[in-house]
Amino acid sequence: MHLVAEQPYVKIERQVSSIDQKNIEHQRTIYLYTNKIVTKHREFAIRDVMDISYRLIGDKGGLLYIHTLRGVYSYIVKSSPIEFVQKYKSHFKNKPQHEK
């Protein structure tokens, strides 16, 4: 298991009290290994990942999508994940399923 790429993302936690609302931003990282993708609370085997895509939203970042056999998972990114997506596609996308 070798690290291929990593991508920072943010998780927004909303805290609501009787007088106000706060948004707390947690800085996290997605790690792409040769056999899996790991986030703080999830782990995806590469064989279960069908694709990774990105959608720009405004000029403040966007959403990184991990498409798996169990559904699509989205992550808020503030920096461009183009390099992360390209590394996934160049390492894994064109290989037959049994080689992943």
C-alpha atoms as a PDB file:
ATOM      1  CA  MET A   1       0.000   0.000   0.000  1.00  0.00           C
ATOM      2  CA  HIS A   2       1.696   3.182  -1.236  1.00  0.00           C
ATOM      3  CA  LEU A   3       0.361   6.730  -1.145  1.00  0.00           C
ATOM      4  CA  VAL A   4      -0.426   7.928  -4.675  1.00  0.00           C
ATOM      5  CA  ALA A   5      -2.032  11.319  -3.930  1.00  0.00           C
ATOM      6  CA  GLU A   6      -3.805  13.360  -1.294  1.00  0.00           C
ATOM      7  CA  GLN A   7      -6.450  16.079  -1.449  1.00  0.00           C
ATOM      8  CA  PRO A   8      -7.495  18.490   1.316  1.00  0.00           C
ATOM      9  CA  TYR A   9     -11.224  18.886   1.940  1.00  0.00           C
ATOM     10  CA  VAL A  10     -13.394  20.568   4.554  1.00  0.00           C
ATOM     11  CA  LYS A  11     -16.213  19.310   6.710  1.00  0.00           C
ATOM     12  CA  ILE A  12     -18.617  21.987   7.931  1.00  0.00           C
ATOM     13  CA  GLU A  13     -20.142  21.393  11.346  1.00  0.00           C
ATOM     14  CA  ARG A  14     -23.150  23.530  12.168  1.00  0.00           C
ATOM     15  CA  GLN A  15     -23.700  24.355  15.857  1.00  0.00           C
ATOM     16  CA  VAL A  16     -27.031  25.899  16.714  1.00  0.00           C
ATOM     17  CA  SER A  17     -27.908  27.391  20.088  1.00  0.00           C
ATOM     18  CA  SER A  18     -30.933  29.328  21.259  1.00  0.00           C
ATOM     19  CA  ILE A  19     -29.295  32.632  20.307  1.00  0.00           C
ATOM     20  CA  ASP A  20     -27.029  31.947  17.349  1.00  0.00           C
ATOM     21  CA  GLN A  21     -25.659  29.575  14.767  1.00  0.00           C
ATOM     22  CA  LYS A  22     -21.976  28.842  14.135  1.00  0.00           C
ATOM     23  CA  ASN A  23     -20.357  27.028  11.244  1.00  0.00           C
ATOM     24  CA  ILE A  24     -17.136  25.311  12.249  1.00  0.00           C
ATOM     25  CA  GLU A  25     -14.842  24.261   9.429  1.00  0.00           C
ATOM     26  CA  HIS A  26     -12.742  21.127   9.954  1.00  0.00           C
ATOM     27  CA  GLN A  27      -9.717  20.660   7.678  1.00  0.00           C
ATOM     28  CA  ARG A  28      -9.343  17.051   6.512  1.00  0.00           C
ATOM     29  CA  THR A  29      -7.521  15.061   3.838  1.00  0.00           C
ATOM     30  CA  ILE A  30      -8.502  12.341   1.366  1.00  0.00           C
ATOM     31  CA  TYR A  31      -5.702   9.830   0.782  1.00  0.00           C
ATOM     32  CA  LEU A  32      -5.425   7.827  -2.435  1.00  0.00           C
ATOM     33  CA  TYR A  33      -3.422   4.634  -1.947  1.00  0.00           C
ATOM     34  CA  THR A  34      -2.658   1.873  -4.427  1.00  0.00           C
ATOM     35  CA  ASN A  35      -5.457  -0.272  -2.975  1.00  0.00           C
ATOM     36  CA  LYS A  36      -7.918   2.140  -1.315  1.00  0.00           C
ATOM     37  CA  ILE A  37      -9.153   5.690  -0.757  1.00  0.00           C
ATOM     38  CA  VAL A  38      -9.299   6.853   2.869  1.00  0.00           C
ATOM     39  CA  THR A  39     -11.106   9.802   4.466  1.00  0.00           C
ATOM     40  CA  LYS A  40     -11.540  10.556   8.160  1.00  0.00           C
ATOM     41  CA  HIS A  41     -14.611   8.312   8.515  1.00  0.00           C
ATOM     42  CA  ARG A  42     -14.717   6.198   5.337  1.00  0.00           C
ATOM     43  CA  GLU A  43     -12.548   3.777   3.438  1.00  0.00           C
ATOM     44  CA  PHE A  44     -13.217   2.691  -0.140  1.00  0.00           C
ATOM     45  CA  ALA A  45     -11.474  -0.279  -1.744  1.00  0.00           C
ATOM     46  CA  ILE A  46     -10.163   0.748  -5.191  1.00  0.00           C
ATOM     47  CA  ARG A  47     -12.066  -2.164  -6.753  1.00  0.00           C
ATOM     48  CA  ASP A  48     -15.324  -0.544  -5.480  1.00  0.00           C
ATOM     49  CA  VAL A  49     -14.533   2.924  -6.900  1.00  0.00           C
ATOM     50  CA  MET A  50     -15.953   3.442 -10.383  1.00  0.00           C
ATOM     51  CA  ASP A  51     -14.852   7.063 -10.910  1.00  0.00           C
ATOM     52  CA  ILE A  52     -13.838  10.330  -9.282  1.00  0.00           C
ATOM     53  CA  SER A  53     -15.165  13.641 -10.610  1.00  0.00           C
ATOM     54  CA  TYR A  54     -15.196  17.322  -9.673  1.00  0.00           C
ATOM     55  CA  ARG A  55     -17.665  20.151 -10.040  1.00  0.00           C
ATOM     56  CA  LEU A  56     -16.584  23.765  -9.643  1.00  0.00           C
ATOM     57  CA  ILE A  57     -19.020  25.891  -7.625  1.00  0.00           C
ATOM     58  CA  GLY A  58     -18.464  29.620  -7.961  1.00  0.00           C
ATOM     59  CA  ASP A  59     -14.907  30.796  -7.407  1.00  0.00           C
ATOM     60  CA  LYS A  60     -14.477  29.378  -3.890  1.00  0.00           C
ATOM     61  CA  GLY A  61     -13.917  25.714  -4.681  1.00  0.00           C
ATOM     62  CA  GLY A  62     -16.304  22.935  -5.435  1.00  0.00           C
ATOM     63  CA  LEU A  63     -17.322  19.357  -4.790  1.00  0.00           C
ATOM     64  CA  LEU A  64     -15.222  16.256  -5.303  1.00  0.00           C
ATOM     65  CA  TYR A  65     -17.337  13.167  -5.987  1.00  0.00           C
ATOM     66  CA  ILE A  66     -16.227   9.598  -5.338  1.00  0.00           C
ATOM     67  CA  HIS A  67     -18.466   7.268  -7.352  1.00  0.00           C
ATOM     68  CA  THR A  68     -18.603   3.801  -5.761  1.00  0.00           C
ATOM     69  CA  LEU A  69     -20.605   0.620  -6.102  1.00  0.00           C
ATOM     70  CA  ARG A  70     -22.517   1.708  -2.960  1.00  0.00           C
ATOM     71  CA  GLY A  71     -23.288   5.257  -4.069  1.00  0.00           C
ATOM     72  CA  VAL A  72     -21.728   8.656  -4.649  1.00  0.00           C
ATOM     73  CA  TYR A  73     -19.930  10.467  -1.828  1.00  0.00           C
ATOM     74  CA  SER A  74     -19.260  14.212  -2.035  1.00  0.00           C
ATOM     75  CA  TYR A  75     -16.548  16.264  -0.370  1.00  0.00           C
ATOM     76  CA  ILE A  76     -16.187  20.055  -0.223  1.00  0.00           C
ATOM     77  CA  VAL A  77     -12.835  21.174  -1.624  1.00  0.00           C
ATOM     78  CA  LYS A  78     -11.368  24.671  -1.597  1.00  0.00           C
ATOM     79  CA  SER A  79      -8.390  23.884  -3.813  1.00  0.00           C
ATOM     80  CA  SER A  80      -8.513  22.311  -7.228  1.00  0.00           C
ATOM     81  CA  PRO A  81      -8.559  18.494  -7.084  1.00  0.00           C
ATOM     82  CA  ILE A  82      -7.579  18.167 -10.758  1.00  0.00           C
ATOM     83  CA  GLU A  83      -4.206  16.573  -9.940  1.00  0.00           C
ATOM     84  CA  PHE A  84      -5.862  14.125  -7.495  1.00  0.00           C
ATOM     85  CA  VAL A  85      -8.481  13.132 -10.108  1.00  0.00           C
ATOM     86  CA  GLN A  86      -5.843  12.777 -12.831  1.00  0.00           C
ATOM     87  CA  LYS A  87      -3.669  10.556 -10.632  1.00  0.00           C
ATOM     88  CA  TYR A  88      -6.663   8.315  -9.886  1.00  0.00           C
ATOM     89  CA  LYS A  89      -7.556   8.053 -13.566  1.00  0.00           C
ATOM     90  CA  SER A  90      -3.985   7.443 -14.735  1.00  0.00           C
ATOM     91  CA  HIS A  91      -3.325   4.780 -12.078  1.00  0.00           C
ATOM     92  CA  PHE A  92      -6.651   2.963 -11.941  1.00  0.00           C
ATOM     93  CA  LYS A  93      -9.284   3.976 -14.481  1.00  0.00           C
ATOM     94  CA  ASN A  94      -7.980   2.120 -17.524  1.00  0.00           C
ATOM     95  CA  LYS A  95      -7.024  -1.101 -15.744  1.00  0.00           C
ATOM     96  CA  PRO A  96      -9.301  -4.138 -15.918  1.00  0.00           C
ATOM     97  CA  GLN A  97     -11.461  -4.587 -12.794  1.00  0.00           C
ATOM     98  CA  HIS A  98      -9.552  -7.700 -11.626  1.00  0.00           C
ATOM     99  CA  GLU A  99      -6.241  -5.743 -11.580  1.00  0.00           C
ATOM    100  CA  LYS A 100      -7.539  -3.015  -9.265  1.00  0.00           C
END
